[in-house]
Every structure is written in structure tokens, then in C-alpha cells.
C-alpha atoms as a PDB file:
ATOM      1  CA  MET A   1      54.152  -2.801  52.851  1.00  0.00           C
ATOM      2  CA  LYS A   2      56.855  -5.342  52.165  1.00  0.00           C
ATOM      3  CA  ALA A   3      56.153  -8.218  49.772  1.00  0.00           C
ATOM      4  CA  ILE A   4      57.995 -10.913  47.861  1.00  0.00           C
ATOM      5  CA  VAL A   5      57.596 -10.164  44.155  1.00  0.00           C
ATOM      6  CA  LEU A   6      58.466 -12.613  41.376  1.00  0.00           C
ATOM      7  CA  SER A   7      59.323 -10.100  38.684  1.00  0.00           C
ATOM      8  CA  LYS A   8      62.294 -11.941  37.174  1.00  0.00           C
ATOM      9  CA  THR A   9      62.691 -15.584  36.191  1.00  0.00           C
ATOM     10  CA  SER A  10      63.480 -17.671  39.297  1.00  0.00           C
ATOM     11  CA  LYS A  11      64.382 -14.527  41.274  1.00  0.00           C
ATOM     12  CA  PRO A  12      61.823 -13.602  43.962  1.00  0.00           C
ATOM     13  CA  GLU A  13      62.696 -10.261  45.519  1.00  0.00           C
ATOM     14  CA  LEU A  14      61.639  -8.421  48.667  1.00  0.00           C
ATOM     15  CA  GLN A  15      60.152  -5.097  47.605  1.00  0.00           C
ATOM     16  CA  GLU A  16      58.518  -2.139  49.313  1.00  0.00           C
ATOM     17  CA  LEU A  17      55.065  -1.599  47.829  1.00  0.00           C
ATOM     18  CA  GLU A  18      52.094   0.622  48.580  1.00  0.00           C
ATOM     19  CA  ASP A  19      49.641  -0.815  51.084  1.00  0.00           C
ATOM     20  CA  VAL A  20      46.815  -2.823  49.556  1.00  0.00           C
ATOM     21  CA  VAL A  21      43.523  -0.926  49.409  1.00  0.00           C
ATOM     22  CA  LEU A  22      40.354  -2.542  50.746  1.00  0.00           C
ATOM     23  CA  ASP A  23      37.767  -1.441  48.174  1.00  0.00           C
ATOM     24  CA  ARG A  24      35.097  -4.141  48.610  1.00  0.00           C
ATOM     25  CA  ASP A  25      32.433  -3.927  51.286  1.00  0.00           C
ATOM     26  CA  ASP A  26      32.335  -7.676  51.957  1.00  0.00           C
ATOM     27  CA  TRP A  27      36.105  -8.288  52.073  1.00  0.00           C
ATOM     28  CA  VAL A  28      38.695  -7.805  54.804  1.00  0.00           C
ATOM     29  CA  LYS A  29      42.352  -6.892  54.999  1.00  0.00           C
ATOM     30  CA  ILE A  30      44.568  -9.289  56.925  1.00  0.00           C
ATOM     31  CA  ARG A  31      47.923  -8.412  58.447  1.00  0.00           C
ATOM     32  CA  VAL A  32      49.872 -11.554  57.572  1.00  0.00           C
ATOM     33  CA  LYS A  33      51.712 -13.148  60.470  1.00  0.00           C
ATOM     34  CA  ALA A  34      52.824 -16.442  58.878  1.00  0.00           C
ATOM     35  CA  VAL A  35      52.727 -17.961  55.392  1.00  0.00           C
ATOM     36  CA  GLY A  36      53.791 -21.377  54.119  1.00  0.00           C
ATOM     37  CA  LEU A  37      55.865 -22.161  51.046  1.00  0.00           C
ATOM     38  CA  CYS A  38      53.892 -24.687  48.975  1.00  0.00           C
ATOM     39  CA  GLY A  39      55.154 -27.074  46.301  1.00  0.00           C
ATOM     40  CA  SER A  40      52.985 -25.258  43.746  1.00  0.00           C
ATOM     41  CA  ASP A  41      54.752 -22.013  44.701  1.00  0.00           C
ATOM     42  CA  MET A  42      58.088 -23.749  44.165  1.00  0.00           C
ATOM     43  CA  GLN A  43      57.062 -24.836  40.662  1.00  0.00           C
ATOM     44  CA  LYS A  44      56.316 -21.235  39.731  1.00  0.00           C
ATOM     45  CA  ILE A  45      59.454 -19.867  41.363  1.00  0.00           C
ATOM     46  CA  ASN A  46      61.677 -22.468  39.681  1.00  0.00           C
ATOM     47  CA  SER A  47      60.052 -22.106  36.256  1.00  0.00           C
ATOM     48  CA  SER A  48      62.345 -21.105  33.394  1.00  0.00           C
ATOM     49  CA  LYS A  49      59.543 -19.070  31.841  1.00  0.00           C
ATOM     50  CA  PRO A  50      59.462 -15.269  32.263  1.00  0.00           C
ATOM     51  CA  PRO A  51      56.885 -14.535  34.999  1.00  0.00           C
ATOM     52  CA  GLU A  52      54.905 -12.206  32.754  1.00  0.00           C
ATOM     53  CA  LYS A  53      54.257 -15.132  30.397  1.00  0.00           C
ATOM     54  CA  TYR A  54      52.425 -17.347  32.875  1.00  0.00           C
ATOM     55  CA  LEU A  55      51.689 -15.590  36.183  1.00  0.00           C
ATOM     56  CA  LYS A  56      48.509 -13.641  36.843  1.00  0.00           C
ATOM     57  CA  THR A  57      49.961 -12.213  40.045  1.00  0.00           C
ATOM     58  CA  ARG A  58      53.600 -11.626  40.947  1.00  0.00           C
ATOM     59  CA  ILE A  59      52.878 -12.104  44.653  1.00  0.00           C
ATOM     60  CA  LEU A  60      52.401 -15.799  45.454  1.00  0.00           C
ATOM     61  CA  GLY A  61      51.468 -17.479  48.744  1.00  0.00           C
ATOM     62  CA  HIS A  62      48.147 -19.045  49.750  1.00  0.00           C
ATOM     63  CA  GLU A  63      48.807 -20.880  53.049  1.00  0.00           C
ATOM     64  CA  PHE A  64      48.584 -18.055  55.562  1.00  0.00           C
ATOM     65  CA  SER A  65      47.315 -16.744  58.877  1.00  0.00           C
ATOM     66  CA  GLY A  66      47.266 -13.379  60.584  1.00  0.00           C
ATOM     67  CA  GLU A  67      45.140 -10.653  62.164  1.00  0.00           C
ATOM     68  CA  ILE A  68      42.292  -8.662  60.668  1.00  0.00           C
ATOM     69  CA  SER A  69      43.491  -5.088  60.208  1.00  0.00           C
ATOM     70  CA  GLU A  70      40.530  -3.621  58.300  1.00  0.00           C
ATOM     71  CA  LEU A  71      36.895  -4.566  57.724  1.00  0.00           C
ATOM     72  CA  GLY A  72      34.709  -3.888  54.722  1.00  0.00           C
ATOM     73  CA  LYS A  73      31.641  -1.761  55.472  1.00  0.00           C
ATOM     74  CA  LYS A  74      29.231  -4.707  55.287  1.00  0.00           C
ATOM     75  CA  VAL A  75      31.296  -7.138  57.392  1.00  0.00           C
ATOM     76  CA  GLU A  76      29.609  -7.721  60.751  1.00  0.00           C
ATOM     77  CA  SER A  77      30.676 -11.255  61.690  1.00  0.00           C
ATOM     78  CA  LEU A  78      34.348 -10.441  62.262  1.00  0.00           C
ATOM     79  CA  ASP A  79      36.314  -8.037  64.438  1.00  0.00           C
ATOM     80  CA  LEU A  80      39.513  -6.063  64.132  1.00  0.00           C
ATOM     81  CA  GLU A  81      42.630  -7.778  65.511  1.00  0.00           C
ATOM     82  CA  GLN A  82      40.924 -11.177  65.354  1.00  0.00           C
ATOM     83  CA  ARG A  83      43.333 -14.093  64.800  1.00  0.00           C
ATOM     84  CA  VAL A  84      42.373 -15.793  61.536  1.00  0.00           C
ATOM     85  CA  THR A  85      43.289 -17.934  58.584  1.00  0.00           C
ATOM     86  CA  ALA A  86      41.396 -18.032  55.279  1.00  0.00           C
ATOM     87  CA  ILE A  87      40.366 -20.255  52.404  1.00  0.00           C
ATOM     88  CA  PRO A  88      42.335 -18.975  49.382  1.00  0.00           C
ATOM     89  CA  LEU A  89      39.845 -20.332  46.798  1.00  0.00           C
ATOM     90  CA  ILE A  90      37.193 -17.834  45.702  1.00  0.00           C
ATOM     91  CA  PRO A  91      34.431 -19.433  43.583  1.00  0.00           C
ATOM     92  CA  CYS A  92      31.776 -17.526  41.656  1.00  0.00           C
ATOM     93  CA  TYR A  93      28.841 -19.396  43.291  1.00  0.00           C
ATOM     94  CA  ILE A  94      26.756 -19.179  40.093  1.00  0.00           C
ATOM     95  CA  CYS A  95      28.240 -21.710  37.622  1.00  0.00           C
ATOM     96  CA  LEU A  96      27.039 -25.330  37.465  1.00  0.00           C
ATOM     97  CA  PRO A  97      29.863 -26.816  39.600  1.00  0.00           C
ATOM     98  CA  CYS A  98      29.236 -24.156  42.254  1.00  0.00           C
ATOM     99  CA  LYS A  99      25.508 -24.915  42.265  1.00  0.00           C
ATOM    100  CA  GLU A 100      26.490 -28.530  42.951  1.00  0.00           C
ATOM    101  CA  GLU A 101      28.834 -27.362  45.775  1.00  0.00           C
ATOM    102  CA  ALA A 102      31.893 -28.519  43.826  1.00  0.00           C
ATOM    103  CA  TYR A 103      33.452 -25.123  44.443  1.00  0.00           C
ATOM    104  CA  GLN A 104      36.997 -26.305  43.702  1.00  0.00           C
ATOM    105  CA  LEU A 105      35.821 -26.955  40.108  1.00  0.00           C
ATOM    106  CA  CYS A 106      34.293 -23.492  39.659  1.00  0.00           C
ATOM    107  CA  GLU A 107      34.459 -22.373  36.038  1.00  0.00           C
ATOM    108  CA  ASN A 108      35.384 -18.828  37.104  1.00  0.00           C
ATOM    109  CA  ILE A 109      37.453 -19.526  40.191  1.00  0.00           C
ATOM    110  CA  LYS A 110      39.860 -16.974  41.611  1.00  0.00           C
ATOM    111  CA  SER A 111      42.536 -17.809  44.131  1.00  0.00           C
ATOM    112  CA  VAL A 112      44.726 -15.819  46.480  1.00  0.00           C
ATOM    113  CA  GLY A 113      48.310 -16.287  45.340  1.00  0.00           C
ATOM    114  CA  ARG A 114      47.368 -17.655  41.917  1.00  0.00           C
ATOM    115  CA  ASN A 115      45.410 -14.977  40.092  1.00  0.00           C
ATOM    116  CA  LEU A 116      44.966 -12.541  42.998  1.00  0.00           C
ATOM    117  CA  PRO A 117      47.834 -11.033  45.034  1.00  0.00           C
ATOM    118  CA  GLY A 118      49.007 -13.568  47.590  1.00  0.00           C
ATOM    119  CA  ALA A 119      50.264 -13.697  51.147  1.00  0.00           C
ATOM    120  CA  PHE A 120      54.035 -13.534  50.662  1.00  0.00           C
ATOM    121  CA  SER A 121      53.334 -10.031  51.825  1.00  0.00           C
ATOM    122  CA  GLU A 122      52.603  -8.095  54.980  1.00  0.00           C
ATOM    123  CA  GLN A 123      48.984  -7.576  53.868  1.00  0.00           C
ATOM    124  CA  VAL A 124      46.448  -9.592  51.895  1.00  0.00           C
ATOM    125  CA  LEU A 125      42.789  -9.121  50.915  1.00  0.00           C
ATOM    126  CA  VAL A 126      40.185 -11.905  51.113  1.00  0.00           C
ATOM    127  CA  PRO A 127      36.386 -12.188  51.134  1.00  0.00           C
ATOM    128  CA  ALA A 128      34.956 -12.143  54.655  1.00  0.00           C
ATOM    129  CA  LYS A 129      33.082 -15.398  53.959  1.00  0.00           C
ATOM    130  CA  ASN A 130      36.457 -17.136  53.397  1.00  0.00           C
ATOM    131  CA  VAL A 131      37.868 -16.081  56.757  1.00  0.00           C
ATOM    132  CA  ARG A 132      38.101 -18.591  59.611  1.00  0.00           C
ATOM    133  CA  LYS A 133      38.872 -17.687  63.222  1.00  0.00           C
ATOM    134  CA  ILE A 134      41.711 -19.548  64.914  1.00  0.00           C
ATOM    135  CA  SER A 135      41.966 -20.264  68.625  1.00  0.00           C
ATOM    136  CA  ASP A 136      44.359 -18.451  70.940  1.00  0.00           C
ATOM    137  CA  THR A 137      46.180 -21.747  71.525  1.00  0.00           C
ATOM    138  CA  THR A 138      46.894 -22.319  67.817  1.00  0.00           C
ATOM    139  CA  SER A 139      50.091 -20.685  66.601  1.00  0.00           C
ATOM    140  CA  TYR A 140      50.074 -18.717  63.373  1.00  0.00           C
ATOM    141  CA  GLU A 141      52.623 -21.149  61.938  1.00  0.00           C
ATOM    142  CA  THR A 142      50.456 -24.160  62.766  1.00  0.00           C
ATOM    143  CA  ALA A 143      47.344 -22.520  61.317  1.00  0.00           C
ATOM    144  CA  CYS A 144      49.135 -22.294  57.950  1.00  0.00           C
ATOM    145  CA  PHE A 145      48.823 -26.096  57.684  1.00  0.00           C
ATOM    146  CA  SER A 146      45.035 -25.925  57.299  1.00  0.00           C
ATOM    147  CA  ASP A 147      45.293 -25.698  53.511  1.00  0.00           C
ATOM    148  CA  VAL A 148      47.659 -28.690  53.249  1.00  0.00           C
ATOM    149  CA  VAL A 149      45.483 -30.775  55.545  1.00  0.00           C
ATOM    150  CA  ALA A 150      42.351 -29.802  53.594  1.00  0.00           C
ATOM    151  CA  VAL A 151      43.970 -31.050  50.371  1.00  0.00           C
ATOM    152  CA  VAL A 152      44.606 -34.409  52.053  1.00  0.00           C
ATOM    153  CA  VAL A 153      41.142 -34.581  53.633  1.00  0.00           C
ATOM    154  CA  HIS A 154      39.705 -34.176  50.118  1.00  0.00           C
ATOM    155  CA  ASN A 155      42.014 -36.889  48.790  1.00  0.00           C
ATOM    156  CA  TYR A 156      40.892 -39.211  51.595  1.00  0.00           C
ATOM    157  CA  HIS A 157      37.233 -38.526  50.910  1.00  0.00           C
ATOM    158  CA  ILE A 158      37.654 -39.163  47.181  1.00  0.00           C
ATOM    159  CA  ALA A 159      39.242 -42.506  48.126  1.00  0.00           C
ATOM    160  CA  ASN A 160      35.928 -43.267  49.886  1.00  0.00           C
ATOM    161  CA  SER A 161      37.356 -42.885  53.406  1.00  0.00           C
ATOM    162  CA  PRO A 162      38.883 -46.390  53.384  1.00  0.00           C
ATOM    163  CA  MET A 163      39.065 -48.622  56.443  1.00  0.00           C
ATOM    164  CA  GLY A 164      41.052 -51.832  56.810  1.00  0.00           C
ATOM    165  CA  LYS A 165      42.808 -51.362  53.454  1.00  0.00           C
ATOM    166  CA  ARG A 166      46.394 -51.499  52.261  1.00  0.00           C
ATOM    167  CA  VAL A 167      47.341 -47.965  51.242  1.00  0.00           C
ATOM    168  CA  LEU A 168      50.447 -46.724  49.443  1.00  0.00           C
ATOM    169  CA  ILE A 169      51.504 -43.082  49.309  1.00  0.00           C
ATOM    170  CA  PHE A 170      53.921 -41.809  46.697  1.00  0.00           C
ATOM    171  CA  GLY A 171      55.824 -38.894  48.174  1.00  0.00           C
ATOM    172  CA  ASP A 172      57.239 -38.081  51.617  1.00  0.00           C
ATOM    173  CA  GLY A 173      56.945 -34.303  51.548  1.00  0.00           C
ATOM    174  CA  ALA A 174      54.439 -32.237  53.533  1.00  0.00           C
ATOM    175  CA  VAL A 175      51.406 -33.572  51.639  1.00  0.00           C
ATOM    176  CA  GLY A 176      52.656 -37.160  51.697  1.00  0.00           C
ATOM    177  CA  LEU A 177      53.378 -37.093  55.436  1.00  0.00           C
ATOM    178  CA  THR A 178      49.969 -35.565  56.100  1.00  0.00           C
ATOM    179  CA  CYS A 179      48.390 -38.270  53.931  1.00  0.00           C
ATOM    180  CA  LEU A 180      50.190 -40.867  56.014  1.00  0.00           C
ATOM    181  CA  GLN A 181      48.676 -39.530  59.223  1.00  0.00           C
ATOM    182  CA  ILE A 182      45.108 -39.347  57.931  1.00  0.00           C
ATOM    183  CA  TYR A 183      45.078 -42.684  56.113  1.00  0.00           C
ATOM    184  CA  ALA A 184      46.939 -44.520  58.887  1.00  0.00           C
ATOM    185  CA  LYS A 185      44.099 -44.076  61.393  1.00  0.00           C
ATOM    186  CA  ASP A 186      42.187 -47.011  59.913  1.00  0.00           C
ATOM    187  CA  ASN A 187      44.545 -48.632  57.392  1.00  0.00           C
ATOM    188  CA  HIS A 188      47.970 -50.184  56.864  1.00  0.00           C
ATOM    189  CA  VAL A 189      50.034 -47.495  55.116  1.00  0.00           C
ATOM    190  CA  ASP A 190      53.343 -47.629  53.258  1.00  0.00           C
ATOM    191  CA  VAL A 191      55.194 -44.667  51.768  1.00  0.00           C
ATOM    192  CA  VAL A 192      57.470 -44.455  48.735  1.00  0.00           C
ATOM    193  CA  GLY A 193      59.853 -41.513  49.046  1.00  0.00           C
ATOM    194  CA  LYS A 194      63.445 -40.435  48.951  1.00  0.00           C
ATOM    195  CA  HIS A 195      64.025 -37.863  51.682  1.00  0.00           C
ATOM    196  CA  ASN A 196      62.272 -38.587  54.971  1.00  0.00           C
ATOM    197  CA  GLU A 197      62.463 -42.248  55.970  1.00  0.00           C
ATOM    198  CA  SER A 198      62.870 -41.391  59.665  1.00  0.00           C
ATOM    199  CA  LYS A 199      59.815 -39.118  59.629  1.00  0.00           C
ATOM    200  CA  VAL A 200      57.708 -41.826  57.990  1.00  0.00           C
ATOM    201  CA  GLY A 201      58.784 -44.259  60.697  1.00  0.00           C
ATOM    202  CA  LEU A 202      57.944 -41.807  63.486  1.00  0.00           C
ATOM    203  CA  LEU A 203      54.480 -41.305  61.999  1.00  0.00           C
ATOM    204  CA  GLY A 204      53.809 -45.049  61.776  1.00  0.00           C
ATOM    205  CA  GLY A 205      54.316 -45.878  58.117  1.00  0.00           C
ATOM    206  CA  GLY A 206      56.387 -48.459  56.264  1.00  0.00           C
ATOM    207  CA  TYR A 207      59.014 -47.034  53.929  1.00  0.00           C
ATOM    208  CA  THR A 208      60.427 -47.850  50.510  1.00  0.00           C
ATOM    209  CA  HIS A 209      62.967 -45.649  48.754  1.00  0.00           C
ATOM    210  CA  ILE A 210      61.886 -44.678  45.250  1.00  0.00           C
ATOM    211  CA  SER A 211      64.932 -46.449  43.829  1.00  0.00           C
ATOM    212  CA  ASP A 212      63.640 -49.722  45.324  1.00  0.00           C
ATOM    213  CA  VAL A 213      59.994 -49.370  44.313  1.00  0.00           C
ATOM    214  CA  LYS A 214      60.542 -52.035  41.654  1.00  0.00           C
ATOM    215  CA  ASP A 215      60.879 -54.573  44.481  1.00  0.00           C
ATOM    216  CA  LEU A 216      57.299 -54.041  45.651  1.00  0.00           C
ATOM    217  CA  HIS A 217      54.921 -56.759  44.470  1.00  0.00           C
ATOM    218  CA  ASP A 218      52.371 -56.178  41.731  1.00  0.00           C
ATOM    219  CA  ASN A 219      48.735 -55.781  42.773  1.00  0.00           C
ATOM    220  CA  SER A 220      49.610 -55.065  46.419  1.00  0.00           C
ATOM    221  CA  TYR A 221      47.480 -52.049  47.359  1.00  0.00           C
ATOM    222  CA  ASP A 222      43.794 -51.199  47.525  1.00  0.00           C
ATOM    223  CA  ILE A 223      44.358 -47.430  47.513  1.00  0.00           C
ATOM    224  CA  ILE A 224      47.297 -45.411  46.207  1.00  0.00           C
ATOM    225  CA  ALA A 225      47.685 -41.665  46.843  1.00  0.00           C
ATOM    226  CA  GLU A 226      50.065 -39.884  44.467  1.00  0.00           C
ATOM    227  CA  THR A 227      51.434 -36.647  45.980  1.00  0.00           C
ATOM    228  CA  VAL A 228      54.537 -35.995  43.861  1.00  0.00           C
ATOM    229  CA  GLY A 229      53.324 -34.639  40.500  1.00  0.00           C
ATOM    230  CA  ARG A 230      55.771 -32.261  38.736  1.00  0.00           C
ATOM    231  CA  ASN A 231      57.086 -33.540  35.373  1.00  0.00           C
ATOM    232  CA  GLN A 232      57.838 -37.234  35.897  1.00  0.00           C
ATOM    233  CA  ASN A 233      56.200 -40.501  34.814  1.00  0.00           C
ATOM    234  CA  GLN A 234      57.490 -42.956  37.377  1.00  0.00           C
ATOM    235  CA  THR A 235      55.001 -42.578  40.214  1.00  0.00           C
ATOM    236  CA  LEU A 236      51.859 -43.118  38.137  1.00  0.00           C
ATOM    237  CA  ARG A 237      53.444 -45.921  36.109  1.00  0.00           C
ATOM    238  CA  GLU A 238      54.339 -47.728  39.313  1.00  0.00           C
ATOM    239  CA  ALA A 239      50.960 -46.950  40.835  1.00  0.00           C
ATOM    240  CA  ILE A 240      49.191 -48.713  37.974  1.00  0.00           C
ATOM    241  CA  ARG A 241      51.476 -51.728  38.467  1.00  0.00           C
ATOM    242  CA  LEU A 242      50.978 -51.829  42.228  1.00  0.00           C
ATOM    243  CA  ILE A 243      47.242 -51.191  42.458  1.00  0.00           C
ATOM    244  CA  LYS A 244      44.999 -54.201  43.007  1.00  0.00           C
ATOM    245  CA  PRO A 245      42.263 -55.056  40.514  1.00  0.00           C
ATOM    246  CA  GLN A 246      39.404 -52.587  41.021  1.00  0.00           C
ATOM    247  CA  GLY A 247      41.613 -50.481  43.288  1.00  0.00           C
ATOM    248  CA  LYS A 248      41.771 -46.694  43.256  1.00  0.00           C
ATOM    249  CA  ILE A 249      44.636 -44.296  42.513  1.00  0.00           C
ATOM    250  CA  VAL A 250      43.939 -40.756  43.751  1.00  0.00           C
ATOM    251  CA  VAL A 251      46.258 -38.068  42.376  1.00  0.00           C
ATOM    252  CA  ALA A 252      46.932 -34.992  44.528  1.00  0.00           C
ATOM    253  CA  GLY A 253      50.394 -34.273  43.085  1.00  0.00           C
ATOM    254  CA  VAL A 254      50.483 -31.091  41.003  1.00  0.00           C
ATOM    255  CA  TYR A 255      51.839 -31.826  37.542  1.00  0.00           C
ATOM    256  CA  GLU A 256      53.437 -29.056  35.530  1.00  0.00           C
ATOM    257  CA  SER A 257      51.162 -27.355  33.036  1.00  0.00           C
ATOM    258  CA  GLY A 258      51.320 -29.089  29.652  1.00  0.00           C
ATOM    259  CA  PHE A 259      53.279 -32.092  30.915  1.00  0.00           C
ATOM    260  CA  VAL A 260      52.509 -35.240  28.910  1.00  0.00           C
ATOM    261  CA  GLY A 261      53.384 -38.510  30.603  1.00  0.00           C
ATOM    262  CA  LYS A 262      53.550 -42.145  29.509  1.00  0.00           C
ATOM    263  CA  MET A 263      51.663 -44.909  31.304  1.00  0.00           C
ATOM    264  CA  ILE A 264      50.602 -48.442  30.505  1.00  0.00           C
ATOM    265  CA  PHE A 265      46.882 -47.804  30.193  1.00  0.00           C
ATOM    266  CA  ARG A 266      46.263 -51.403  29.124  1.00  0.00           C
ATOM    267  CA  ASP A 267      47.098 -52.548  32.664  1.00  0.00           C
ATOM    268  CA  LEU A 268      44.683 -49.986  34.089  1.00  0.00           C
ATOM    269  CA  PHE A 269      42.021 -51.339  31.723  1.00  0.00           C
ATOM    270  CA  TYR A 270      42.607 -54.988  32.618  1.00  0.00           C
ATOM    271  CA  LYS A 271      42.512 -54.279  36.346  1.00  0.00           C
ATOM    272  CA  GLU A 272      39.365 -52.165  36.121  1.00  0.00           C
ATOM    273  CA  ALA A 273      41.282 -49.770  38.355  1.00  0.00           C
ATOM    274  CA  THR A 274      40.267 -46.146  38.857  1.00  0.00           C
ATOM    275  CA  LEU A 275      42.665 -43.268  38.191  1.00  0.00           C
ATOM    276  CA  GLN A 276      41.173 -40.111  39.669  1.00  0.00           C
ATOM    277  CA  GLY A 277      42.359 -36.553  40.208  1.00  0.00           C
ATOM    278  CA  SER A 278      42.053 -34.816  43.574  1.00  0.00           C
ATOM    279  CA  ASN A 279      41.880 -31.045  43.069  1.00  0.00           C
ATOM    280  CA  SER A 280      42.277 -28.842  46.146  1.00  0.00           C
ATOM    281  CA  TYR A 281      39.234 -29.258  48.422  1.00  0.00           C
ATOM    282  CA  GLY A 282      35.561 -28.425  48.601  1.00  0.00           C
ATOM    283  CA  VAL A 283      32.424 -29.535  50.452  1.00  0.00           C
ATOM    284  CA  TRP A 284      31.875 -33.092  51.672  1.00  0.00           C
ATOM    285  CA  ASN A 285      28.552 -34.189  53.158  1.00  0.00           C
ATOM    286  CA  GLY A 286      27.618 -30.558  53.653  1.00  0.00           C
ATOM    287  CA  GLU A 287      30.797 -29.490  55.473  1.00  0.00           C
ATOM    288  CA  ASN A 288      33.646 -27.476  54.011  1.00  0.00           C
ATOM    289  CA  GLU A 289      36.777 -29.629  54.010  1.00  0.00           C
ATOM    290  CA  PHE A 290      38.884 -26.622  55.025  1.00  0.00           C
ATOM    291  CA  ASP A 291      36.825 -26.399  58.220  1.00  0.00           C
ATOM    292  CA  ILE A 292      37.385 -30.107  58.843  1.00  0.00           C
ATOM    293  CA  ALA A 293      41.111 -29.586  58.331  1.00  0.00           C
ATOM    294  CA  LEU A 294      41.307 -26.543  60.607  1.00  0.00           C
ATOM    295  CA  ARG A 295      39.548 -28.480  63.353  1.00  0.00           C
ATOM    296  CA  MET A 296      42.027 -31.352  62.962  1.00  0.00           C
ATOM    297  CA  VAL A 297      44.941 -28.928  63.155  1.00  0.00           C
ATOM    298  CA  GLU A 298      43.592 -27.127  66.217  1.00  0.00           C
ATOM    299  CA  GLU A 299      42.792 -30.381  68.017  1.00  0.00           C
ATOM    300  CA  GLU A 300      46.300 -31.653  67.165  1.00  0.00           C
ATOM    301  CA  GLU A 301      45.018 -34.662  65.267  1.00  0.00           C
ATOM    302  CA  ILE A 302      47.782 -33.871  62.768  1.00  0.00           C
ATOM    303  CA  ASN A 303      51.376 -33.786  63.950  1.00  0.00           C
ATOM    304  CA  THR A 304      52.626 -30.621  62.262  1.00  0.00           C
ATOM    305  CA  SER A 305      55.785 -30.288  64.356  1.00  0.00           C
ATOM    306  CA  ASP A 306      57.483 -33.170  62.533  1.00  0.00           C
ATOM    307  CA  ILE A 307      56.642 -31.585  59.169  1.00  0.00           C
ATOM    308  CA  LEU A 308      57.452 -27.938  59.895  1.00  0.00           C
ATOM    309  CA  THR A 309      61.236 -27.927  59.609  1.00  0.00           C
ATOM    310  CA  HIS A 310      62.110 -24.261  59.062  1.00  0.00           C
ATOM    311  CA  ILE A 311      60.659 -20.941  60.236  1.00  0.00           C
ATOM    312  CA  LEU A 312      62.256 -17.894  58.626  1.00  0.00           C
ATOM    313  CA  PRO A 313      61.565 -14.156  58.410  1.00  0.00           C
ATOM    314  CA  LEU A 314      60.031 -13.054  55.119  1.00  0.00           C
ATOM    315  CA  LYS A 315      63.211 -11.145  54.266  1.00  0.00           C
ATOM    316  CA  GLU A 316      65.003 -14.528  54.056  1.00  0.00           C
ATOM    317  CA  PHE A 317      62.573 -15.816  51.438  1.00  0.00           C
ATOM    318  CA  SER A 318      65.298 -16.910  49.024  1.00  0.00           C
ATOM    319  CA  LYS A 319      66.968 -18.916  51.778  1.00  0.00           C
ATOM    320  CA  GLY A 320      63.752 -20.905  52.220  1.00  0.00           C
ATOM    321  CA  VAL A 321      63.560 -21.564  48.482  1.00  0.00           C
ATOM    322  CA  LYS A 322      67.139 -22.785  48.508  1.00  0.00           C
ATOM    323  CA  LEU A 323      66.424 -25.077  51.460  1.00  0.00           C
ATOM    324  CA  MET A 324      63.540 -26.656  49.538  1.00  0.00           C
ATOM    325  CA  ASN A 325      65.568 -26.964  46.338  1.00  0.00           C
ATOM    326  CA  GLU A 326      68.339 -28.701  48.293  1.00  0.00           C
ATOM    327  CA  LYS A 327      66.158 -30.730  50.672  1.00  0.00           C
ATOM    328  CA  GLU A 328      68.298 -33.864  50.428  1.00  0.00           C
ATOM    329  CA  LYS A 329      71.021 -31.838  52.124  1.00  0.00           C
ATOM    330  CA  SER A 330      68.936 -29.414  54.192  1.00  0.00           C
ATOM    331  CA  GLY A 331      66.270 -31.830  55.431  1.00  0.00           C
ATOM    332  CA  ALA A 332      63.599 -29.259  54.610  1.00  0.00           C
ATOM    333  CA  ILE A 333      60.012 -30.484  54.447  1.00  0.00           C
ATOM    334  CA  LYS A 334      57.930 -27.404  55.148  1.00  0.00           C
ATOM    335  CA  VAL A 335      59.155 -23.805  55.266  1.00  0.00           C
ATOM    336  CA  VAL A 336      56.969 -21.168  56.915  1.00  0.00           C
ATOM    337  CA  TYR A 337      57.791 -17.450  56.880  1.00  0.00           C
ATOM    338  CA  ARG A 338      57.016 -15.004  59.648  1.00  0.00           C
ATOM    339  CA  CYS A 339      55.942 -11.552  58.498  1.00  0.00           C
END
């Protein structure tokens, strides 16, 4: 099989590997048809650290869809050639968070593309219980958005599913633009970004360039969703300034491991504001948030066509990375690879 392998610092390479072996009775093998390039993948690819120092798998990729090519002996609920996507998170189901259905906080969690071989490959293995069927009318590329949408659904739920509120989103990438669509159903939403003003306008949001965020008034927003992360202070500092007293800041942006930022915590204290993380997705009111997201994608409640900017063959993986690294010039928001 062909796979993208990150064996050298910042140099993903297409390699020919042996086919993956399905050796678990309750897992399946999926022939990958499409896989998305996530911001967390970009952090790993762009890292200056040698991959062997921080990666538990050299094959990344967790936003994927495809066809079942092999079934474990005990799998009866699925069929060969079925069109599917899958939840990449694999909890242990026995630790305390799992017993409380907070599976995203599992103490022993595994994840496809993080510590198990990922889907930047022609084949990937996943537990059968993680597999979700996709309709014949849903393209493989569109199905890849289920993970992104699930992350935002979780963020929205943590924000207490606001209605009639003023909401600010930091970031106008794929997660930020998805946040805009979900929050804007029942709220006034503004976006702070630096790449996609026209997209924000098309999707119904107000727009402020990050360089002009200082012009926004203090205490203006009930809810703020931070989707940028990485290794910068500005978004959370401004969020604390802009949040109303007793408002809520929900952080979905992935910050680099070990990054230490500076914020004015005294302002957070005086406002009695909440600063809360939003980690992946889990179960809400008894329903898996990935299933909620997949339903929204299939019923076209989320406009993915304005977010999916580039579809490339897997062999042009490095071109997609370059497009994302140069998105001010390329206009890239979401890159999906066909396998």
C-alpha cells in the first residue's frame, strides 16, 4: 500500500509499505477514499523536532472516509464494500471518565493518526464500533468533515447551546467557519480572522481583521469561541478583554505542546468569566456528537463547499501542505486528499 510517512523533520514522503494486517476480530480494514488535512496534522508536519522524538505513529491523518475491505471474524453489523467514515478516538471504556461517558477524556485513549497508524494511507484499521455508514448521496470528501463538525458541535454544547447571544469567533479557518455556521443559527456572530473575510460574509457573519481587533469594544460578547491555538497569546488575551462579565470563553484551538502564554487573569477574575477547554468530542445527552455531526453533514446543514478549497491526489501531499502554509496567497482553507 502507499502511505504518507513523516520520517524526517518537516518532510512527509510517499512510500510503498506492506498492507496493514487485520489481526483483531472486532476491527475492520478500510480502503481509504478521502482524507482531510487537519490543523493538528500541520503542527506535527511543521514541527522542528525530529519525528522520532514526539510522534507515536509516522502515518498521520484522522479525518477520513472509504470502503470496508476486510471484516474481523466477530463483526456482523457491517458489510464488505460498505461506504463508511469512522470516529478516530478509541477510548478504553473502563477508566472513570469513560464510565461517565466522557470518552474524549479517557485516561488510556488511543487515536487513529495520533498514536495508531492514520489515514494518510490507502488502508487503515479501526474498531468496528467506531465505524459509521455514510449515504450514497454523501461524497467521500464531504464525509471527511464529520470530525471537524463534531469538534464544533462539542464546543457549542460546552457553551450551553446559546440562543439570542452575541458570539465572537477567533479564527476563520475550517473550524472557525464551521463554528460560524452552527452558532449563527440562533445568535449574532462576529469573526476575527485574517484570511477569509469574503467567506465569513457569505456564511452570514460580521468580520474584523485580527490587526483591528483592538477597535472592538470591551465587554461586548456573551460567548467567545477560540479556534486558533498554536503558540500565540493574542487571541485569549483579547478574548478576556472582550468577554462580558460572567461570559464564557470556549477554547477549541490546539495549542502547541508545552506552550506557555501570558494573559491578564485579574480581568478574568473581576468579570467572573469562564475560560474552558473544548477537547475533541464525546457524548451529549446520550448521543455521540460525531453522529450528530455526520447527520448535519449528510443533511447539508453545514455548507462544506465553501470550506473545501482543494482536492488533491495523495501523491501530491506536499503540495497540499504548501498550500496550507501559504494560505494568504493560495486561499486554502481545507485540503482533502483522494486515495
